[in-house]
Every structure is written in C-alpha cells, then in structure tokens.
Amino acid sequence: MKALVLAAGKGTRLGALTHHIPKPMLPVGGRPLLEHILELLRRHNITDIAINLHHKPEAILRHFGSGDVWGVHLRYSYEAALLGSAGTALRHLAWVYPDSFLLYYGDVYTDADLTELIECHRSSQAVATIAVNQVDDPTRCGIVEFDSDRRIRRFVEKPPADQVFSRWSNSGIYVLNPEVLHFVSDIPADFGKDVFPRLINSGLPVQAYPITGTLIDIGTPENFERAQQLFAAKAAPPPPVPFTRLGLTSTTA
C-alpha cells in the first residue's frame, strides 16, 4: 500500500513556532515529527510515500531527501496554492490507482496499529475508513457518529457547541479507495468538509476505526506541549524500587 502524507499546511495556530519551518518538522522527542511518521509507516510495511509541500518546503527536502536513510522511498509534490486534503489526493490519483491508499495528516503523532486499520478497511469493503479518537472539545474537529457495525452515519466538520452529537473525532488518518476521488469537485477540496459528507449522503459505506492508543494532533500550542510531555515521561528513568519490594530492609549504622 502507498501512503500520502500531508505536510503543506502553514501551521498558523502555532504562531512563531512555524515561521521558519513547516509544522511536520517541529521536534517531538528531540526529532522532527515527520521522522516519527515515516518510521511508523515503515514498521507497517508502507514504504512508498508521497509528501505534499508548500510552506518552507526546502526544510523537508534537505532533511529527508530520497528517504533511503529511513528505509522508505519518498516522492514530493509542491503546491504553489494549497489544494486541500482531497485536492492533493486527486493530484495523486494516477500514482495510487487502482489500489487503496493511506492518507496521513503530517501534524499527527500516534502509535496506532496501521496494519489493523488497513485490514479492517479491506474486510469491511468500505470505500473509506476513517481512524477516529475521542476528544474533549468536539467543536474543533470533524466529528462522526457510527453504528454497532462501525459504519459512519453522520460526519460534521467543526459543529457549533449546541450541535455536538459525538465525541468521536476524525483523527486525520484514512484508508481510501481511489473511487472516492470522484466526489472531489471544486479545488481546493477537503475530505472532512466536502468528500466524506457526500459519500455518506450517497449511501456509500464509510467505516470508523477507533484508535485506542496515543494520538496527538500537534497543531495547537497546547497539543504540541502535550507531545513534549509524553516523550519526556517516556525518557524519564523509572522510580527506585523500595527496599521492601526487593525483600530487603534498610538499616542505619
């Protein structure tokens, strides 16, 4: 399976942090987030990867080059004007066709099981599978409602507070069949705003895949700090084991 990583956004919500580098190059655990993403994809045997570029593209090109160091093959697509998530995917239709492909937002850190996500997509015979996670503030996300078979019945992008019907959010990771790109009309086009509601309203099967592990969208200062804290906690040494746990007792001279 091929993957398309979206890395073109300007990251305006992060203020000065992204003035000089693209958002996916922000350090998480001391390394660019995009390194974590490429390593996750490789661990799940996804090595043919396209990355779209717009803001400060040279930072990504210089750092990753062909991708050989990370065990992947990279191709790049520069956008002079942003095409939106679905518009970018449409540009890559000939590259992915006729197989399904993974689309991954370049500001997302996760340890999700992408292999299981792909297998769930194939077994469900859906045209699109959206990885979802629960959030505290659904008004800042695309939210979904799905039934006991995990088929998505509603998808609404950033609803007002009085219209929130779910805390399950679009995570920014999808498995898509290429035919969903027939539902892209005007450019720029976004999957959450434009394509997914059209698929659902047309009666086509769109599936939810709930993520149970870690998922952080670093696109806000608060979430970027959360990612730093997560890695700081991982790096911290374990607390000392009390003497009583070791079957010993402390003595004083």
Protein backbone atom coordinates (compact mmCIF):
# COMPACT_ATOMS: atom_id res chain seq x y z
CA MET A 1 0.00 0.00 0.00
CA LYS A 2 1.13 3.55 -0.75
CA ALA A 3 0.78 6.49 1.63
CA LEU A 4 0.23 10.19 1.09
CA VAL A 5 1.45 12.40 3.95
CA LEU A 6 0.03 15.92 4.05
CA ALA A 7 2.81 18.34 5.02
CA ALA A 8 1.86 21.53 3.19
CA GLY A 9 -0.05 23.49 5.85
CA LYS A 10 1.33 26.70 7.29
CA GLY A 11 0.60 25.84 10.94
CA THR A 12 -0.70 29.33 11.71
CA ARG A 13 -2.21 28.26 15.04
CA LEU A 14 1.30 27.58 16.31
CA GLY A 15 2.38 31.17 15.81
CA ALA A 16 6.12 31.82 15.74
CA LEU A 17 6.96 28.11 16.06
CA THR A 18 6.27 27.58 12.36
CA HIS A 19 7.50 30.87 10.91
CA HIS A 20 10.70 29.27 9.66
CA ILE A 21 9.90 25.56 9.42
CA PRO A 22 6.89 23.51 8.31
CA LYS A 23 4.72 22.07 11.06
CA PRO A 24 5.75 18.40 10.47
CA MET A 25 9.38 19.40 11.11
CA LEU A 26 8.69 20.59 14.67
CA PRO A 27 10.68 18.50 17.16
CA VAL A 28 8.80 15.85 19.13
CA GLY A 29 11.00 13.90 21.49
CA GLY A 30 14.04 15.67 20.03
CA ARG A 31 13.32 14.68 16.41
CA PRO A 32 11.06 16.09 13.68
CA LEU A 33 7.53 14.74 13.91
CA LEU A 34 7.81 13.64 10.28
CA GLU A 35 10.57 11.21 11.26
CA HIS A 36 8.19 9.52 13.69
CA ILE A 37 5.56 9.33 10.95
CA LEU A 38 7.89 7.76 8.40
CA GLU A 39 9.12 5.23 10.94
CA LEU A 40 5.54 4.30 11.85
CA LEU A 41 4.69 3.77 8.19
CA ARG A 42 7.80 1.65 7.63
CA ARG A 43 7.02 -0.52 10.68
CA HIS A 44 3.73 -1.36 9.00
CA ASN A 45 5.41 -2.15 5.67
CA ILE A 46 4.36 1.07 3.96
CA THR A 47 7.48 2.30 2.20
CA ASP A 48 6.24 4.05 -0.97
CA ILE A 49 5.30 7.51 0.30
CA ALA A 50 4.35 10.82 -1.30
CA ILE A 51 4.61 14.10 0.65
CA ASN A 52 2.96 17.33 -0.44
CA LEU A 53 4.83 20.57 0.24
CA HIS A 54 4.04 24.28 0.38
CA HIS A 55 5.33 26.20 3.40
CA LYS A 56 9.15 26.16 3.71
CA PRO A 57 9.47 23.03 1.54
CA GLU A 58 13.26 23.09 1.48
CA ALA A 59 13.39 22.08 5.16
CA ILE A 60 11.74 18.74 4.40
CA LEU A 61 13.62 18.19 1.15
CA ARG A 62 17.01 18.80 2.78
CA HIS A 63 16.32 16.61 5.79
CA PHE A 64 14.72 13.59 4.13
CA GLY A 65 15.93 13.56 0.53
CA SER A 66 15.07 10.24 -1.11
CA GLY A 67 14.07 8.68 2.22
CA ASP A 68 16.68 5.91 1.99
CA VAL A 69 18.02 6.60 5.49
CA TRP A 70 14.56 5.81 6.88
CA GLY A 71 14.06 2.74 4.70
CA VAL A 72 11.37 4.35 2.55
CA HIS A 73 11.06 5.78 -0.94
CA LEU A 74 9.85 9.39 -1.00
CA ARG A 75 8.36 11.47 -3.76
CA TYR A 76 7.38 15.11 -3.35
CA SER A 77 4.60 17.27 -4.75
CA TYR A 78 4.91 21.04 -4.40
CA GLU A 79 1.70 23.11 -4.24
CA ALA A 80 2.05 26.77 -5.17
CA ALA A 81 -1.50 27.20 -3.87
CA LEU A 82 -2.92 24.81 -1.30
CA LEU A 83 -5.22 22.18 -2.84
CA GLY A 84 -6.80 20.89 0.36
CA SER A 85 -6.56 17.30 1.58
CA ALA A 86 -8.86 15.90 -1.11
CA GLY A 87 -7.42 18.11 -3.83
CA THR A 88 -3.94 16.82 -3.02
CA ALA A 89 -5.16 13.22 -3.13
CA LEU A 90 -6.81 13.86 -6.50
CA ARG A 91 -3.48 15.10 -7.86
CA HIS A 92 -2.02 11.70 -6.89
CA LEU A 93 -4.83 9.60 -8.39
CA ALA A 94 -2.70 8.16 -11.19
CA TRP A 95 0.02 7.27 -8.67
CA VAL A 96 -2.25 5.30 -6.31
CA TYR A 97 -4.66 3.82 -8.87
CA PRO A 98 -6.11 1.18 -8.78
CA ASP A 99 -5.26 0.29 -5.17
CA SER A 100 -6.49 1.71 -1.90
CA PHE A 101 -4.07 4.06 -0.17
CA LEU A 102 -3.36 5.55 3.24
CA LEU A 103 -3.68 9.29 3.80
CA TYR A 104 -1.95 10.68 6.88
CA TYR A 105 -2.03 14.27 8.16
CA GLY A 106 1.52 15.41 8.84
CA ASP A 107 0.73 17.01 12.21
CA VAL A 108 -0.45 13.78 13.87
CA TYR A 109 1.62 11.69 16.26
CA THR A 110 0.22 8.24 17.01
CA ASP A 111 1.21 4.68 17.85
CA ALA A 112 -1.92 3.32 16.14
CA ASP A 113 -1.82 -0.13 14.56
CA LEU A 114 -1.91 0.84 10.89
CA THR A 115 -1.81 -2.80 9.80
CA GLU A 116 -5.03 -3.50 11.67
CA LEU A 117 -6.56 -0.31 10.27
CA ILE A 118 -5.79 -1.46 6.72
CA GLU A 119 -7.11 -4.97 7.38
CA CYS A 120 -10.34 -3.56 8.84
CA HIS A 121 -10.79 -1.43 5.73
CA ARG A 122 -10.35 -4.39 3.42
CA SER A 123 -12.61 -6.72 5.38
CA SER A 124 -15.41 -4.16 5.70
CA GLN A 125 -15.49 -3.48 1.95
CA ALA A 126 -15.88 0.21 2.73
CA VAL A 127 -14.86 2.87 0.22
CA ALA A 128 -13.26 4.85 3.04
CA THR A 129 -12.17 4.04 6.58
CA ILE A 130 -11.57 6.90 8.99
CA ALA A 131 -9.45 6.38 12.09
CA VAL A 132 -11.26 8.13 14.95
CA ASN A 133 -10.40 9.05 18.52
CA GLN A 134 -12.32 10.62 21.38
CA VAL A 135 -11.73 14.31 22.14
CA ASP A 136 -12.66 16.76 24.88
CA ASP A 137 -13.69 19.60 22.55
CA PRO A 138 -15.63 18.31 19.51
CA THR A 139 -16.21 21.86 18.20
CA ARG A 140 -12.60 21.96 16.97
CA CYS A 141 -12.82 18.74 14.95
CA GLY A 142 -14.75 16.81 12.38
CA ILE A 143 -16.98 14.52 14.44
CA VAL A 144 -18.61 11.24 13.49
CA GLU A 145 -21.49 9.06 14.59
CA PHE A 146 -21.28 5.35 13.80
CA ASP A 147 -23.43 2.30 14.47
CA SER A 148 -22.62 -1.04 16.13
CA ASP A 149 -21.03 -2.23 12.89
CA ARG A 150 -18.84 0.91 12.90
CA ARG A 151 -20.47 2.24 9.76
CA ILE A 152 -20.44 6.02 9.88
CA ARG A 153 -23.91 7.55 9.66
CA ARG A 154 -23.04 11.22 10.22
CA PHE A 155 -19.97 13.37 9.72
CA VAL A 156 -19.95 17.07 10.59
CA GLU A 157 -16.93 19.34 10.42
CA LYS A 158 -16.40 21.57 13.50
CA PRO A 159 -20.02 21.81 14.70
CA PRO A 160 -21.16 24.63 17.00
CA ALA A 161 -21.42 23.62 20.64
CA ASP A 162 -25.21 23.25 20.55
CA GLN A 163 -24.99 20.78 17.65
CA VAL A 164 -22.38 18.39 19.05
CA PHE A 165 -23.67 14.80 18.83
CA SER A 166 -20.49 12.80 19.44
CA ARG A 167 -17.01 12.97 20.93
CA TRP A 168 -15.57 10.68 18.28
CA SER A 169 -13.33 12.79 16.09
CA ASN A 170 -11.70 12.46 12.69
CA SER A 171 -8.06 11.68 13.54
CA GLY A 172 -6.57 12.67 10.18
CA ILE A 173 -5.64 9.10 9.16
CA TYR A 174 -7.67 7.38 6.43
CA VAL A 175 -7.61 4.36 4.17
CA LEU A 176 -9.31 5.28 0.89
CA ASN A 177 -10.32 3.58 -2.31
CA PRO A 178 -9.43 5.70 -5.34
CA GLU A 179 -13.08 5.93 -6.42
CA VAL A 180 -13.79 8.32 -3.52
CA LEU A 181 -11.86 10.93 -5.51
CA HIS A 182 -14.74 11.05 -8.00
CA PHE A 183 -16.52 13.03 -5.26
CA VAL A 184 -13.96 15.84 -5.42
CA SER A 185 -15.40 18.74 -7.41
CA ASP A 186 -14.05 22.22 -6.81
CA ILE A 187 -10.42 22.75 -5.79
CA PRO A 188 -9.35 23.32 -3.06
CA ALA A 189 -11.32 20.44 -1.53
CA ASP A 190 -11.17 18.84 1.89
CA PHE A 191 -12.15 15.31 2.86
CA GLY A 192 -13.86 16.32 6.09
CA LYS A 193 -15.72 19.33 4.75
CA ASP A 194 -16.51 18.15 1.23
CA VAL A 195 -15.94 14.48 0.41
CA PHE A 196 -16.95 12.42 3.46
CA PRO A 197 -20.42 14.01 3.81
CA ARG A 198 -21.03 13.38 0.09
CA LEU A 199 -20.02 9.73 0.39
CA ILE A 200 -22.31 9.20 3.38
CA ASN A 201 -25.24 11.03 1.79
CA SER A 202 -24.81 8.88 -1.34
CA GLY A 203 -25.18 5.72 0.75
CA LEU A 204 -21.62 4.51 0.17
CA PRO A 205 -20.05 2.57 3.05
CA VAL A 206 -17.71 4.71 5.18
CA GLN A 207 -16.23 2.91 8.16
CA ALA A 208 -14.87 4.08 11.53
CA TYR A 209 -11.75 2.60 13.10
CA PRO A 210 -11.50 3.66 16.78
CA ILE A 211 -7.92 4.26 17.92
CA THR A 212 -7.24 3.02 21.44
CA GLY A 213 -3.60 4.13 21.75
CA THR A 214 -1.94 7.51 21.75
CA LEU A 215 -2.92 10.16 19.22
CA ILE A 216 -1.92 13.82 19.42
CA ASP A 217 -2.51 16.47 16.76
CA ILE A 218 0.34 18.91 17.43
CA GLY A 219 -1.40 21.73 15.53
CA THR A 220 -2.04 23.84 18.64
CA PRO A 221 0.46 25.09 21.25
CA GLU A 222 -1.36 23.08 23.94
CA ASN A 223 -1.16 19.82 21.99
CA PHE A 224 2.42 20.47 20.96
CA GLU A 225 3.28 20.78 24.65
CA ARG A 226 1.36 17.56 25.37
CA ALA A 227 3.53 15.74 22.84
CA GLN A 228 6.67 17.06 24.53
CA GLN A 229 5.41 15.91 27.92
CA LEU A 230 4.61 12.47 26.54
CA PHE A 231 8.16 11.96 25.34
CA ALA A 232 9.65 13.47 28.49
CA ALA A 233 7.71 10.92 30.53
CA LYS A 234 8.94 8.10 28.29
CA ALA A 235 12.53 9.23 28.71
CA ALA A 236 12.35 9.67 32.48
CA PRO A 237 14.09 6.91 34.48
CA PRO A 238 11.79 4.59 36.43
CA PRO A 239 11.34 5.38 40.12
CA PRO A 240 13.61 3.46 42.50
CA VAL A 241 12.20 0.20 43.82
CA PRO A 242 11.56 0.39 47.57
CA PHE A 243 13.64 -1.92 49.74
CA THR A 244 10.52 -3.74 50.88
CA ARG A 245 9.66 -4.63 47.26
CA LEU A 246 13.09 -6.30 46.99
CA GLY A 247 12.64 -8.27 50.17
CA LEU A 248 15.26 -6.13 51.92
CA THR A 249 15.16 -3.76 54.83
CA SER A 250 17.10 -0.60 55.28
CA THR A 251 19.42 -0.32 58.25
CA THR A 252 21.16 2.58 59.89
CA ALA A 253 24.58 2.45 61.50
